Amino acid sequence: MATLYGECLVSFQKIMHDNMDSFTRKGFDLKFYNTKKEYSGGFSGLESSDIARQRFQEYHSKSPEELNYGIIRDNMSRREKIVTERSSL
């Protein structure tokens, strides 16, 4: 019985990890992309799009090549907005 329970926990954890976007409804996410359009990290669960935009400006100024542009996503509506150095001024 304990083995079955352990297998269920491992399966549930994998499902949650692989589909985290489906379970997240609060706040805003900020994802960074480099000049090669590769994912470079980000933040999750930010309180507002303004805070996400401020974080983009802060981190982009430190490393503009590695953090070339960002995508801010509203987790409730699933709408995304691309943020660049020019659009965040």
N, C-alpha and C. Protein backbone atom coordinates (compact mmCIF):
# COMPACT_ATOMS: atom_id res chain seq x y z
N MET A 1 0.82 -1.19 0.00
CA MET A 1 0.00 0.00 0.00
C MET A 1 0.87 1.26 0.00
N ALA A 2 1.94 1.23 0.78
CA ALA A 2 2.83 2.39 0.84
C ALA A 2 3.51 2.62 -0.50
N THR A 3 3.83 1.53 -1.21
CA THR A 3 4.46 1.65 -2.52
C THR A 3 3.51 2.32 -3.51
N LEU A 4 2.25 1.91 -3.48
CA LEU A 4 1.25 2.50 -4.37
C LEU A 4 1.09 3.99 -4.06
N TYR A 5 1.04 4.34 -2.79
CA TYR A 5 0.92 5.74 -2.39
C TYR A 5 2.13 6.54 -2.87
N GLY A 6 3.31 5.98 -2.72
CA GLY A 6 4.53 6.65 -3.20
C GLY A 6 4.51 6.88 -4.70
N GLU A 7 4.06 5.87 -5.45
CA GLU A 7 3.97 6.02 -6.90
C GLU A 7 2.97 7.10 -7.29
N CYS A 8 1.87 7.18 -6.56
CA CYS A 8 0.87 8.22 -6.83
C CYS A 8 1.45 9.61 -6.57
N LEU A 9 2.20 9.76 -5.49
CA LEU A 9 2.81 11.05 -5.19
C LEU A 9 3.81 11.47 -6.25
N VAL A 10 4.62 10.53 -6.71
CA VAL A 10 5.60 10.83 -7.76
C VAL A 10 4.89 11.23 -9.04
N SER A 11 3.83 10.50 -9.40
CA SER A 11 3.08 10.83 -10.62
C SER A 11 2.42 12.19 -10.51
N PHE A 12 1.82 12.47 -9.36
CA PHE A 12 1.17 13.76 -9.15
C PHE A 12 2.17 14.90 -9.24
N GLN A 13 3.35 14.72 -8.63
CA GLN A 13 4.38 15.75 -8.68
C GLN A 13 4.82 16.01 -10.12
N LYS A 14 4.97 14.97 -10.92
CA LYS A 14 5.36 15.13 -12.32
C LYS A 14 4.28 15.88 -13.10
N ILE A 15 3.03 15.52 -12.88
CA ILE A 15 1.92 16.21 -13.56
C ILE A 15 1.91 17.69 -13.19
N MET A 16 2.06 18.00 -11.92
CA MET A 16 2.08 19.40 -11.48
C MET A 16 3.25 20.16 -12.09
N HIS A 17 4.42 19.56 -12.09
CA HIS A 17 5.61 20.22 -12.62
C HIS A 17 5.48 20.46 -14.12
N ASP A 18 4.99 19.48 -14.86
CA ASP A 18 4.88 19.59 -16.32
C ASP A 18 3.77 20.53 -16.75
N ASN A 19 2.77 20.75 -15.90
CA ASN A 19 1.60 21.55 -16.27
C ASN A 19 1.33 22.68 -15.30
N MET A 20 2.37 23.27 -14.74
CA MET A 20 2.19 24.31 -13.72
C MET A 20 1.36 25.48 -14.24
N ASP A 21 1.47 25.81 -15.53
CA ASP A 21 0.69 26.92 -16.08
C ASP A 21 -0.81 26.67 -15.94
N SER A 22 -1.24 25.44 -16.00
CA SER A 22 -2.66 25.12 -15.89
C SER A 22 -3.20 25.33 -14.48
N PHE A 23 -2.33 25.33 -13.48
CA PHE A 23 -2.76 25.45 -12.10
C PHE A 23 -2.55 26.85 -11.53
N THR A 24 -1.84 27.72 -12.24
CA THR A 24 -1.52 29.05 -11.75
C THR A 24 -2.58 30.04 -12.23
N ARG A 25 -3.23 30.74 -11.31
CA ARG A 25 -4.26 31.70 -11.68
C ARG A 25 -4.02 33.09 -11.12
N LYS A 26 -3.15 33.24 -10.14
CA LYS A 26 -2.95 34.54 -9.50
C LYS A 26 -1.71 35.24 -10.03
N GLY A 27 -1.78 36.56 -10.09
CA GLY A 27 -0.62 37.37 -10.38
C GLY A 27 -0.18 37.38 -11.83
N PHE A 28 1.05 37.81 -12.01
CA PHE A 28 1.64 37.97 -13.34
C PHE A 28 2.98 37.25 -13.38
N ASP A 29 3.31 36.70 -14.53
CA ASP A 29 4.61 36.06 -14.74
C ASP A 29 5.43 36.92 -15.68
N LEU A 30 6.73 36.92 -15.47
CA LEU A 30 7.67 37.62 -16.34
C LEU A 30 8.71 36.61 -16.80
N LYS A 31 8.80 36.42 -18.10
CA LYS A 31 9.80 35.50 -18.67
C LYS A 31 10.77 36.30 -19.51
N PHE A 32 12.06 36.05 -19.30
CA PHE A 32 13.12 36.73 -20.05
C PHE A 32 13.58 35.86 -21.21
N TYR A 33 13.93 36.52 -22.33
CA TYR A 33 14.50 35.82 -23.49
C TYR A 33 15.72 36.59 -23.96
N ASN A 34 16.73 35.85 -24.44
CA ASN A 34 17.96 36.49 -24.91
C ASN A 34 17.85 36.85 -26.39
N THR A 35 18.95 37.33 -26.97
CA THR A 35 18.94 37.77 -28.37
C THR A 35 18.72 36.60 -29.33
N LYS A 36 18.96 35.37 -28.88
CA LYS A 36 18.73 34.18 -29.71
C LYS A 36 17.32 33.63 -29.52
N LYS A 37 16.47 34.36 -28.81
CA LYS A 37 15.09 33.98 -28.51
C LYS A 37 15.01 32.71 -27.68
N GLU A 38 16.01 32.51 -26.81
CA GLU A 38 16.01 31.37 -25.89
C GLU A 38 15.58 31.86 -24.51
N TYR A 39 14.83 31.03 -23.80
CA TYR A 39 14.37 31.36 -22.45
C TYR A 39 15.56 31.56 -21.51
N SER A 40 15.53 32.65 -20.74
CA SER A 40 16.65 32.98 -19.86
C SER A 40 16.24 33.17 -18.40
N GLY A 41 15.10 32.63 -18.00
CA GLY A 41 14.66 32.76 -16.61
C GLY A 41 13.50 33.72 -16.47
N GLY A 42 13.12 34.00 -15.25
CA GLY A 42 12.02 34.92 -15.03
C GLY A 42 11.49 34.88 -13.61
N PHE A 43 10.30 35.46 -13.44
CA PHE A 43 9.64 35.55 -12.15
C PHE A 43 8.20 35.07 -12.29
N SER A 44 7.65 34.58 -11.20
CA SER A 44 6.28 34.09 -11.20
C SER A 44 5.54 34.67 -10.00
N GLY A 45 4.25 34.94 -10.18
CA GLY A 45 3.43 35.39 -9.07
C GLY A 45 3.61 36.84 -8.67
N LEU A 46 4.03 37.69 -9.60
CA LEU A 46 4.17 39.11 -9.30
C LEU A 46 2.78 39.73 -9.14
N GLU A 47 2.68 40.76 -8.31
CA GLU A 47 1.38 41.32 -7.95
C GLU A 47 0.70 42.09 -9.06
N SER A 48 1.47 42.75 -9.94
CA SER A 48 0.86 43.54 -11.01
C SER A 48 1.77 43.58 -12.22
N SER A 49 1.20 44.03 -13.34
CA SER A 49 2.01 44.14 -14.56
C SER A 49 3.03 45.27 -14.42
N ASP A 50 2.71 46.29 -13.62
CA ASP A 50 3.67 47.38 -13.39
C ASP A 50 4.91 46.88 -12.65
N ILE A 51 4.70 46.02 -11.68
CA ILE A 51 5.84 45.44 -10.96
C ILE A 51 6.66 44.57 -11.90
N ALA A 52 5.99 43.82 -12.76
CA ALA A 52 6.71 42.99 -13.74
C ALA A 52 7.51 43.86 -14.69
N ARG A 53 6.93 44.97 -15.12
CA ARG A 53 7.64 45.88 -16.03
C ARG A 53 8.86 46.50 -15.33
N GLN A 54 8.72 46.86 -14.06
CA GLN A 54 9.85 47.41 -13.30
C GLN A 54 10.96 46.38 -13.15
N ARG A 55 10.58 45.13 -12.88
CA ARG A 55 11.59 44.07 -12.78
C ARG A 55 12.31 43.88 -14.11
N PHE A 56 11.56 43.96 -15.22
CA PHE A 56 12.19 43.83 -16.53
C PHE A 56 13.21 44.94 -16.72
N GLN A 57 12.83 46.18 -16.44
CA GLN A 57 13.75 47.31 -16.61
C GLN A 57 15.00 47.13 -15.74
N GLU A 58 14.80 46.72 -14.51
CA GLU A 58 15.92 46.55 -13.57
C GLU A 58 16.91 45.49 -14.06
N TYR A 59 16.41 44.35 -14.45
CA TYR A 59 17.30 43.26 -14.86
C TYR A 59 17.83 43.45 -16.28
N HIS A 60 17.04 44.06 -17.15
CA HIS A 60 17.50 44.32 -18.52
C HIS A 60 18.67 45.31 -18.52
N SER A 61 18.63 46.30 -17.64
CA SER A 61 19.72 47.28 -17.59
C SER A 61 21.03 46.64 -17.13
N LYS A 62 20.96 45.58 -16.34
CA LYS A 62 22.17 44.89 -15.88
C LYS A 62 22.76 43.97 -16.94
N SER A 63 21.91 43.38 -17.77
CA SER A 63 22.38 42.40 -18.75
C SER A 63 21.50 42.44 -20.01
N PRO A 64 21.66 43.47 -20.86
CA PRO A 64 20.78 43.63 -22.01
C PRO A 64 20.89 42.52 -23.06
N GLU A 65 22.05 41.89 -23.19
CA GLU A 65 22.20 40.82 -24.18
C GLU A 65 21.49 39.55 -23.71
N GLU A 66 21.70 39.21 -22.45
CA GLU A 66 21.12 37.97 -21.92
C GLU A 66 19.61 38.12 -21.68
N LEU A 67 19.16 39.31 -21.36
CA LEU A 67 17.75 39.57 -21.09
C LEU A 67 17.24 40.60 -22.09
N ASN A 68 17.20 40.19 -23.34
CA ASN A 68 16.90 41.09 -24.46
C ASN A 68 15.46 41.60 -24.44
N TYR A 69 14.50 40.71 -24.21
CA TYR A 69 13.10 41.13 -24.12
C TYR A 69 12.38 40.20 -23.15
N GLY A 70 11.19 40.60 -22.77
CA GLY A 70 10.43 39.81 -21.82
C GLY A 70 9.00 39.65 -22.25
N ILE A 71 8.34 38.69 -21.66
CA ILE A 71 6.91 38.48 -21.88
C ILE A 71 6.24 38.52 -20.51
N ILE A 72 5.27 39.42 -20.39
CA ILE A 72 4.49 39.53 -19.16
C ILE A 72 3.16 38.85 -19.42
N ARG A 73 2.81 37.90 -18.56
CA ARG A 73 1.56 37.17 -18.75
C ARG A 73 0.66 37.35 -17.54
N ASP A 74 -0.59 37.72 -17.81
CA ASP A 74 -1.62 37.79 -16.78
C ASP A 74 -2.14 36.36 -16.57
N ASN A 75 -1.91 35.80 -15.41
CA ASN A 75 -2.27 34.40 -15.18
C ASN A 75 -3.77 34.15 -15.15
N MET A 76 -4.57 35.18 -14.87
CA MET A 76 -6.01 34.98 -14.85
C MET A 76 -6.58 34.90 -16.27
N SER A 77 -6.21 35.85 -17.11
CA SER A 77 -6.76 35.90 -18.47
C SER A 77 -5.90 35.17 -19.49
N ARG A 78 -4.65 34.85 -19.12
CA ARG A 78 -3.67 34.19 -20.00
C ARG A 78 -3.20 35.09 -21.14
N ARG A 79 -3.46 36.38 -21.04
CA ARG A 79 -2.99 37.32 -22.06
C ARG A 79 -1.52 37.62 -21.83
N GLU A 80 -0.78 37.74 -22.93
CA GLU A 80 0.65 38.01 -22.86
C GLU A 80 0.99 39.30 -23.57
N LYS A 81 1.99 39.99 -23.06
CA LYS A 81 2.46 41.23 -23.67
C LYS A 81 3.98 41.19 -23.73
N ILE A 82 4.52 41.48 -24.90
CA ILE A 82 5.97 41.51 -25.08
C ILE A 82 6.49 42.85 -24.60
N VAL A 83 7.55 42.82 -23.80
CA VAL A 83 8.16 44.03 -23.26
C VAL A 83 9.60 44.09 -23.75
N THR A 84 9.95 45.23 -24.34
CA THR A 84 11.32 45.47 -24.78
C THR A 84 11.82 46.73 -24.11
N GLU A 85 13.06 47.06 -24.36
CA GLU A 85 13.63 48.28 -23.79
C GLU A 85 12.82 49.50 -24.23
N ARG A 86 12.44 49.53 -25.48
CA ARG A 86 11.69 50.69 -26.00
C ARG A 86 10.27 50.74 -25.45
N SER A 87 9.61 49.60 -25.33
CA SER A 87 8.23 49.62 -24.87
C SER A 87 8.12 49.87 -23.37
N SER A 88 9.21 49.69 -22.64
CA SER A 88 9.14 49.88 -21.19
C SER A 88 9.56 51.28 -20.75
N LEU A 89 9.87 52.16 -21.68
CA LEU A 89 10.27 53.53 -21.32
C LEU A 89 9.07 54.36 -20.92
